[in-house]
Amino acid sequence: MLANRRRALGEVDRLTWQRDNPIPQRDDGPMYTTPLPTSLPTISEIDAGPSKRREDEEGLDPELCFSVRYGFG
């Protein structure tokens, strides 16, 4: 029982000290994280015929059937 009383008094002392000596709040400004992409990647089908391909798809391998475009900004 004496040990319980000693622990309780120690806890009261600790709580009193924390109340009298608060930890100051940091004001470093806003916290930043890594920026999120502005848009999701889009998947588009590549036409099989070379004449139907868009200008940026003309030199691609004829075996490719889709392309992924990543949108930033």
PDB file of N, CA and C in Angstrom:
ATOM      1  N   MET A   1       0.819  -1.186   0.000  1.00  0.00           N
ATOM      2  CA  MET A   1       0.000   0.000   0.000  1.00  0.00           C
ATOM      3  C   MET A   1       0.871   1.262   0.000  1.00  0.00           C
ATOM      4  N   LEU A   2       1.990   1.179   0.651  1.00  0.00           N
ATOM      5  CA  LEU A   2       2.902   2.318   0.678  1.00  0.00           C
ATOM      6  C   LEU A   2       3.464   2.596  -0.717  1.00  0.00           C
ATOM      7  N   ALA A   3       3.691   1.533  -1.491  1.00  0.00           N
ATOM      8  CA  ALA A   3       4.201   1.703  -2.862  1.00  0.00           C
ATOM      9  C   ALA A   3       3.163   2.403  -3.742  1.00  0.00           C
ATOM     10  N   ASN A   4       1.887   2.037  -3.586  1.00  0.00           N
ATOM     11  CA  ASN A   4       0.823   2.694  -4.358  1.00  0.00           C
ATOM     12  C   ASN A   4       0.741   4.176  -4.015  1.00  0.00           C
ATOM     13  N   ARG A   5       0.856   4.500  -2.727  1.00  0.00           N
ATOM     14  CA  ARG A   5       0.813   5.906  -2.301  1.00  0.00           C
ATOM     15  C   ARG A   5       1.991   6.667  -2.891  1.00  0.00           C
ATOM     16  N   ARG A   6       3.171   6.058  -2.867  1.00  0.00           N
ATOM     17  CA  ARG A   6       4.365   6.714  -3.408  1.00  0.00           C
ATOM     18  C   ARG A   6       4.211   6.968  -4.910  1.00  0.00           C
ATOM     19  N   ARG A   7       3.679   5.977  -5.655  1.00  0.00           N
ATOM     20  CA  ARG A   7       3.457   6.154  -7.100  1.00  0.00           C
ATOM     21  C   ARG A   7       2.432   7.251  -7.360  1.00  0.00           C
ATOM     22  N   ALA A   8       1.364   7.285  -6.566  1.00  0.00           N
ATOM     23  CA  ALA A   8       0.327   8.306  -6.745  1.00  0.00           C
ATOM     24  C   ALA A   8       0.884   9.697  -6.470  1.00  0.00           C
ATOM     25  N   LEU A   9       1.672   9.850  -5.410  1.00  0.00           N
ATOM     26  CA  LEU A   9       2.263  11.152  -5.107  1.00  0.00           C
ATOM     27  C   LEU A   9       3.266  11.562  -6.191  1.00  0.00           C
ATOM     28  N   GLY A  10       4.007  10.606  -6.723  1.00  0.00           N
ATOM     29  CA  GLY A  10       4.930  10.901  -7.824  1.00  0.00           C
ATOM     30  C   GLY A  10       4.181  11.361  -9.064  1.00  0.00           C
ATOM     31  N   GLU A  11       3.051  10.737  -9.330  1.00  0.00           N
ATOM     32  CA  GLU A  11       2.233  11.121 -10.489  1.00  0.00           C
ATOM     33  C   GLU A  11       1.652  12.521 -10.297  1.00  0.00           C
ATOM     34  N   VAL A  12       1.211  12.835  -9.085  1.00  0.00           N
ATOM     35  CA  VAL A  12       0.701  14.177  -8.795  1.00  0.00           C
ATOM     36  C   VAL A  12       1.810  15.202  -9.000  1.00  0.00           C
ATOM     37  N   ASP A  13       3.017  14.896  -8.524  1.00  0.00           N
ATOM     38  CA  ASP A  13       4.146  15.811  -8.724  1.00  0.00           C
ATOM     39  C   ASP A  13       4.439  16.015 -10.208  1.00  0.00           C
ATOM     40  N   ARG A  14       4.393  14.937 -10.979  1.00  0.00           N
ATOM     41  CA  ARG A  14       4.663  15.043 -12.422  1.00  0.00           C
ATOM     42  C   ARG A  14       3.605  15.897 -13.112  1.00  0.00           C
ATOM     43  N   LEU A  15       2.331  15.660 -12.799  1.00  0.00           N
ATOM     44  CA  LEU A  15       1.250  16.439 -13.407  1.00  0.00           C
ATOM     45  C   LEU A  15       1.326  17.908 -13.001  1.00  0.00           C
ATOM     46  N   THR A  16       1.688  18.169 -11.753  1.00  0.00           N
ATOM     47  CA  THR A  16       1.836  19.556 -11.298  1.00  0.00           C
ATOM     48  C   THR A  16       2.967  20.236 -12.053  1.00  0.00           C
ATOM     49  N   TRP A  17       4.087  19.530 -12.222  1.00  0.00           N
ATOM     50  CA  TRP A  17       5.223  20.104 -12.943  1.00  0.00           C
ATOM     51  C   TRP A  17       4.845  20.388 -14.401  1.00  0.00           C
ATOM     52  N   GLN A  18       4.121  19.462 -15.051  1.00  0.00           N
ATOM     53  CA  GLN A  18       3.699  19.675 -16.440  1.00  0.00           C
ATOM     54  C   GLN A  18       2.755  20.871 -16.554  1.00  0.00           C
ATOM     55  N   ARG A  19       1.880  21.055 -15.583  1.00  0.00           N
ATOM     56  CA  ARG A  19       0.968  22.197 -15.605  1.00  0.00           C
ATOM     57  C   ARG A  19       1.737  23.506 -15.431  1.00  0.00           C
ATOM     58  N   ASP A  20       2.717  23.514 -14.541  1.00  0.00           N
ATOM     59  CA  ASP A  20       3.487  24.731 -14.273  1.00  0.00           C
ATOM     60  C   ASP A  20       4.528  25.030 -15.343  1.00  0.00           C
ATOM     61  N   ASN A  21       4.946  24.040 -16.096  1.00  0.00           N
ATOM     62  CA  ASN A  21       5.984  24.197 -17.125  1.00  0.00           C
ATOM     63  C   ASN A  21       5.489  23.645 -18.458  1.00  0.00           C
ATOM     64  N   PRO A  22       4.521  24.309 -19.076  1.00  0.00           N
ATOM     65  CA  PRO A  22       3.976  23.770 -20.339  1.00  0.00           C
ATOM     66  C   PRO A  22       5.022  23.828 -21.455  1.00  0.00           C
ATOM     67  N   ILE A  23       4.902  22.908 -22.377  1.00  0.00           N
ATOM     68  CA  ILE A  23       5.774  22.892 -23.552  1.00  0.00           C
ATOM     69  C   ILE A  23       5.260  23.955 -24.517  1.00  0.00           C
ATOM     70  N   PRO A  24       6.122  24.913 -24.919  1.00  0.00           N
ATOM     71  CA  PRO A  24       5.641  25.962 -25.831  1.00  0.00           C
ATOM     72  C   PRO A  24       5.278  25.378 -27.195  1.00  0.00           C
ATOM     73  N   GLN A  25       4.214  25.914 -27.769  1.00  0.00           N
ATOM     74  CA  GLN A  25       3.778  25.475 -29.094  1.00  0.00           C
ATOM     75  C   GLN A  25       4.715  26.026 -30.149  1.00  0.00           C
ATOM     76  N   ARG A  26       5.086  25.211 -31.094  1.00  0.00           N
ATOM     77  CA  ARG A  26       5.953  25.646 -32.185  1.00  0.00           C
ATOM     78  C   ARG A  26       5.128  26.394 -33.214  1.00  0.00           C
ATOM     79  N   ASP A  27       5.674  27.492 -33.688  1.00  0.00           N
ATOM     80  CA  ASP A  27       5.012  28.258 -34.735  1.00  0.00           C
ATOM     81  C   ASP A  27       5.988  28.421 -35.891  1.00  0.00           C
ATOM     82  N   ASP A  28       6.263  27.299 -36.556  1.00  0.00           N
ATOM     83  CA  ASP A  28       7.201  27.295 -37.680  1.00  0.00           C
ATOM     84  C   ASP A  28       6.519  27.641 -38.990  1.00  0.00           C
ATOM     85  N   GLY A  29       5.261  27.995 -38.944  1.00  0.00           N
ATOM     86  CA  GLY A  29       4.522  28.228 -40.175  1.00  0.00           C
ATOM     87  C   GLY A  29       3.779  26.965 -40.563  1.00  0.00           C
ATOM     88  N   PRO A  30       3.191  26.963 -41.736  1.00  0.00           N
ATOM     89  CA  PRO A  30       2.415  25.793 -42.160  1.00  0.00           C
ATOM     90  C   PRO A  30       3.318  24.596 -42.444  1.00  0.00           C
ATOM     91  N   MET A  31       2.784  23.425 -42.233  1.00  0.00           N
ATOM     92  CA  MET A  31       3.519  22.203 -42.550  1.00  0.00           C
ATOM     93  C   MET A  31       3.240  21.848 -44.007  1.00  0.00           C
ATOM     94  N   TYR A  32       4.255  21.391 -44.698  1.00  0.00           N
ATOM     95  CA  TYR A  32       4.126  21.081 -46.113  1.00  0.00           C
ATOM     96  C   TYR A  32       4.282  19.582 -46.346  1.00  0.00           C
ATOM     97  N   THR A  33       3.568  19.095 -47.320  1.00  0.00           N
ATOM     98  CA  THR A  33       3.702  17.714 -47.752  1.00  0.00           C
ATOM     99  C   THR A  33       4.094  17.720 -49.217  1.00  0.00           C
ATOM    100  N   THR A  34       4.340  16.551 -49.751  1.00  0.00           N
ATOM    101  CA  THR A  34       4.652  16.484 -51.177  1.00  0.00           C
ATOM    102  C   THR A  34       3.402  16.842 -51.972  1.00  0.00           C
ATOM    103  N   PRO A  35       3.549  17.583 -53.051  1.00  0.00           N
ATOM    104  CA  PRO A  35       2.363  17.999 -53.808  1.00  0.00           C
ATOM    105  C   PRO A  35       1.691  16.813 -54.497  1.00  0.00           C
ATOM    106  N   LEU A  36       0.397  16.856 -54.544  1.00  0.00           N
ATOM    107  CA  LEU A  36      -0.370  15.827 -55.233  1.00  0.00           C
ATOM    108  C   LEU A  36      -0.410  16.138 -56.721  1.00  0.00           C
ATOM    109  N   PRO A  37      -0.469  15.117 -57.565  1.00  0.00           N
ATOM    110  CA  PRO A  37      -0.601  15.387 -58.992  1.00  0.00           C
ATOM    111  C   PRO A  37      -1.928  16.082 -59.259  1.00  0.00           C
ATOM    112  N   THR A  38      -1.925  16.963 -60.244  1.00  0.00           N
ATOM    113  CA  THR A  38      -3.137  17.725 -60.522  1.00  0.00           C
ATOM    114  C   THR A  38      -4.174  16.905 -61.282  1.00  0.00           C
ATOM    115  N   SER A  39      -3.736  15.901 -61.990  1.00  0.00           N
ATOM    116  CA  SER A  39      -4.700  15.062 -62.696  1.00  0.00           C
ATOM    117  C   SER A  39      -4.194  13.627 -62.721  1.00  0.00           C
ATOM    118  N   LEU A  40      -5.109  12.725 -62.914  1.00  0.00           N
ATOM    119  CA  LEU A  40      -4.761  11.313 -62.981  1.00  0.00           C
ATOM    120  C   LEU A  40      -4.224  10.966 -64.362  1.00  0.00           C
ATOM    121  N   PRO A  41      -3.392   9.931 -64.466  1.00  0.00           N
ATOM    122  CA  PRO A  41      -2.936   9.509 -65.784  1.00  0.00           C
ATOM    123  C   PRO A  41      -4.124   9.035 -66.624  1.00  0.00           C
ATOM    124  N   THR A  42      -4.039   9.262 -67.917  1.00  0.00           N
ATOM    125  CA  THR A  42      -5.095   8.796 -68.814  1.00  0.00           C
ATOM    126  C   THR A  42      -4.528   7.732 -69.740  1.00  0.00           C
ATOM    127  N   ILE A  43      -5.339   6.756 -70.026  1.00  0.00           N
ATOM    128  CA  ILE A  43      -4.951   5.667 -70.921  1.00  0.00           C
ATOM    129  C   ILE A  43      -5.757   5.830 -72.196  1.00  0.00           C
ATOM    130  N   SER A  44      -5.053   5.845 -73.315  1.00  0.00           N
ATOM    131  CA  SER A  44      -5.758   5.979 -74.590  1.00  0.00           C
ATOM    132  C   SER A  44      -5.338   4.849 -75.525  1.00  0.00           C
ATOM    133  N   GLU A  45      -6.275   4.455 -76.351  1.00  0.00           N
ATOM    134  CA  GLU A  45      -6.031   3.378 -77.310  1.00  0.00           C
ATOM    135  C   GLU A  45      -5.225   3.919 -78.484  1.00  0.00           C
ATOM    136  N   ILE A  46      -4.286   3.115 -78.973  1.00  0.00           N
ATOM    137  CA  ILE A  46      -3.512   3.466 -80.161  1.00  0.00           C
ATOM    138  C   ILE A  46      -4.099   2.678 -81.328  1.00  0.00           C
ATOM    139  N   ASP A  47      -4.468   3.385 -82.386  1.00  0.00           N
ATOM    140  CA  ASP A  47      -5.035   2.712 -83.558  1.00  0.00           C
ATOM    141  C   ASP A  47      -3.995   1.807 -84.203  1.00  0.00           C
ATOM    142  N   ALA A  48      -4.472   0.680 -84.753  1.00  0.00           N
ATOM    143  CA  ALA A  48      -3.571  -0.290 -85.372  1.00  0.00           C
ATOM    144  C   ALA A  48      -2.994   0.230 -86.680  1.00  0.00           C
ATOM    145  N   GLY A  49      -3.769   0.974 -87.437  1.00  0.00           N
ATOM    146  CA  GLY A  49      -3.293   1.480 -88.723  1.00  0.00           C
ATOM    147  C   GLY A  49      -2.370   2.675 -88.539  1.00  0.00           C
ATOM    148  N   PRO A  50      -1.196   2.678 -89.184  1.00  0.00           N
ATOM    149  CA  PRO A  50      -0.262   3.798 -89.029  1.00  0.00           C
ATOM    150  C   PRO A  50      -0.844   5.129 -89.496  1.00  0.00           C
ATOM    151  N   SER A  51      -1.759   5.110 -90.447  1.00  0.00           N
ATOM    152  CA  SER A  51      -2.329   6.368 -90.938  1.00  0.00           C
ATOM    153  C   SER A  51      -3.321   6.977 -89.942  1.00  0.00           C
ATOM    154  N   LYS A  52      -3.849   6.173 -89.024  1.00  0.00           N
ATOM    155  CA  LYS A  52      -4.831   6.654 -88.058  1.00  0.00           C
ATOM    156  C   LYS A  52      -4.189   7.147 -86.759  1.00  0.00           C
ATOM    157  N   ARG A  53      -2.889   6.969 -86.617  1.00  0.00           N
ATOM    158  CA  ARG A  53      -2.222   7.361 -85.375  1.00  0.00           C
ATOM    159  C   ARG A  53      -2.037   8.870 -85.296  1.00  0.00           C
ATOM    160  N   ARG A  54      -2.052   9.379 -84.068  1.00  0.00           N
ATOM    161  CA  ARG A  54      -1.788  10.798 -83.854  1.00  0.00           C
ATOM    162  C   ARG A  54      -0.326  11.094 -84.141  1.00  0.00           C
ATOM    163  N   GLU A  55      -0.002  12.362 -84.239  1.00  0.00           N
ATOM    164  CA  GLU A  55       1.356  12.778 -84.594  1.00  0.00           C
ATOM    165  C   GLU A  55       2.393  12.256 -83.598  1.00  0.00           C
ATOM    166  N   ASP A  56       2.080  12.294 -82.310  1.00  0.00           N
ATOM    167  CA  ASP A  56       3.049  11.830 -81.319  1.00  0.00           C
ATOM    168  C   ASP A  56       3.085  10.313 -81.182  1.00  0.00           C
ATOM    169  N   GLU A  57       2.211   9.589 -81.890  1.00  0.00           N
ATOM    170  CA  GLU A  57       2.187   8.129 -81.843  1.00  0.00           C
ATOM    171  C   GLU A  57       2.764   7.500 -83.104  1.00  0.00           C
ATOM    172  N   GLU A  58       3.195   8.293 -84.070  1.00  0.00           N
ATOM    173  CA  GLU A  58       3.608   7.748 -85.367  1.00  0.00           C
ATOM    174  C   GLU A  58       4.821   6.835 -85.290  1.00  0.00           C
ATOM    175  N   GLY A  59       5.804   7.150 -84.459  1.00  0.00           N
ATOM    176  CA  GLY A  59       7.018   6.339 -84.419  1.00  0.00           C
ATOM    177  C   GLY A  59       6.973   5.202 -83.428  1.00  0.00           C
ATOM    178  N   LEU A  60       5.816   4.919 -82.848  1.00  0.00           N
ATOM    179  CA  LEU A  60       5.729   3.868 -81.839  1.00  0.00           C
ATOM    180  C   LEU A  60       5.715   2.485 -82.465  1.00  0.00           C
ATOM    181  N   ASP A  61       6.047   1.519 -81.659  1.00  0.00           N
ATOM    182  CA  ASP A  61       6.036   0.120 -82.066  1.00  0.00           C
ATOM    183  C   ASP A  61       4.618  -0.269 -82.490  1.00  0.00           C
ATOM    184  N   PRO A  62       4.453  -0.912 -83.642  1.00  0.00           N
ATOM    185  CA  PRO A  62       3.106  -1.291 -84.096  1.00  0.00           C
ATOM    186  C   PRO A  62       2.412  -2.297 -83.180  1.00  0.00           C
ATOM    187  N   GLU A  63       3.175  -2.969 -82.325  1.00  0.00           N
ATOM    188  CA  GLU A  63       2.577  -3.946 -81.409  1.00  0.00           C
ATOM    189  C   GLU A  63       1.886  -3.275 -80.216  1.00  0.00           C
ATOM    190  N   LEU A  64       2.194  -1.999 -79.973  1.00  0.00           N
ATOM    191  CA  LEU A  64       1.570  -1.311 -78.839  1.00  0.00           C
ATOM    192  C   LEU A  64       0.105  -1.031 -79.141  1.00  0.00           C
ATOM    193  N   CYS A  65      -0.751  -1.237 -78.137  1.00  0.00           N
ATOM    194  CA  CYS A  65      -2.178  -1.012 -78.355  1.00  0.00           C
ATOM    195  C   CYS A  65      -2.738   0.104 -77.469  1.00  0.00           C
ATOM    196  N   PHE A  66      -1.948   0.620 -76.522  1.00  0.00           N
ATOM    197  CA  PHE A  66      -2.421   1.736 -75.698  1.00  0.00           C
ATOM    198  C   PHE A  66      -1.234   2.582 -75.251  1.00  0.00           C
ATOM    199  N   SER A  67      -1.539   3.802 -74.832  1.00  0.00           N
ATOM    200  CA  SER A  67      -0.505   4.685 -74.289  1.00  0.00           C
ATOM    201  C   SER A  67      -1.021   5.310 -72.999  1.00  0.00           C
ATOM    202  N   VAL A  68      -0.102   5.676 -72.133  1.00  0.00           N
ATOM    203  CA  VAL A  68      -0.448   6.306 -70.865  1.00  0.00           C
ATOM    204  C   VAL A  68       0.111   7.716 -70.883  1.00  0.00           C
ATOM    205  N   ARG A  69      -0.753   8.680 -70.617  1.00  0.00           N
ATOM    206  CA  ARG A  69      -0.327  10.086 -70.560  1.00  0.00           C
ATOM    207  C   ARG A  69      -0.457  10.548 -69.113  1.00  0.00           C
ATOM    208  N   TYR A  70       0.641  11.101 -68.605  1.00  0.00           N
ATOM    209  CA  TYR A  70       0.660  11.614 -67.238  1.00  0.00           C
ATOM    210  C   TYR A  70       0.448  13.113 -67.282  1.00  0.00           C
ATOM    211  N   GLY A  71      -0.578  13.584 -66.597  1.00  0.00           N
ATOM    212  CA  GLY A  71      -0.878  15.012 -66.593  1.00  0.00           C
ATOM    213  C   GLY A  71      -0.248  15.698 -65.398  1.00  0.00           C
ATOM    214  N   PHE A  72       0.546  16.706 -65.661  1.00  0.00           N
ATOM    215  CA  PHE A  72       1.139  17.518 -64.603  1.00  0.00           C
ATOM    216  C   PHE A  72       0.839  18.966 -64.917  1.00  0.00           C
ATOM    217  N   GLY A  73       0.548  19.711 -63.867  1.00  0.00           N
ATOM    218  CA  GLY A  73       0.335  21.155 -64.021  1.00  0.00           C
ATOM    219  C   GLY A  73      -0.908  21.461 -64.672  1.00  0.00           C
TER     220      GLY A  73
END
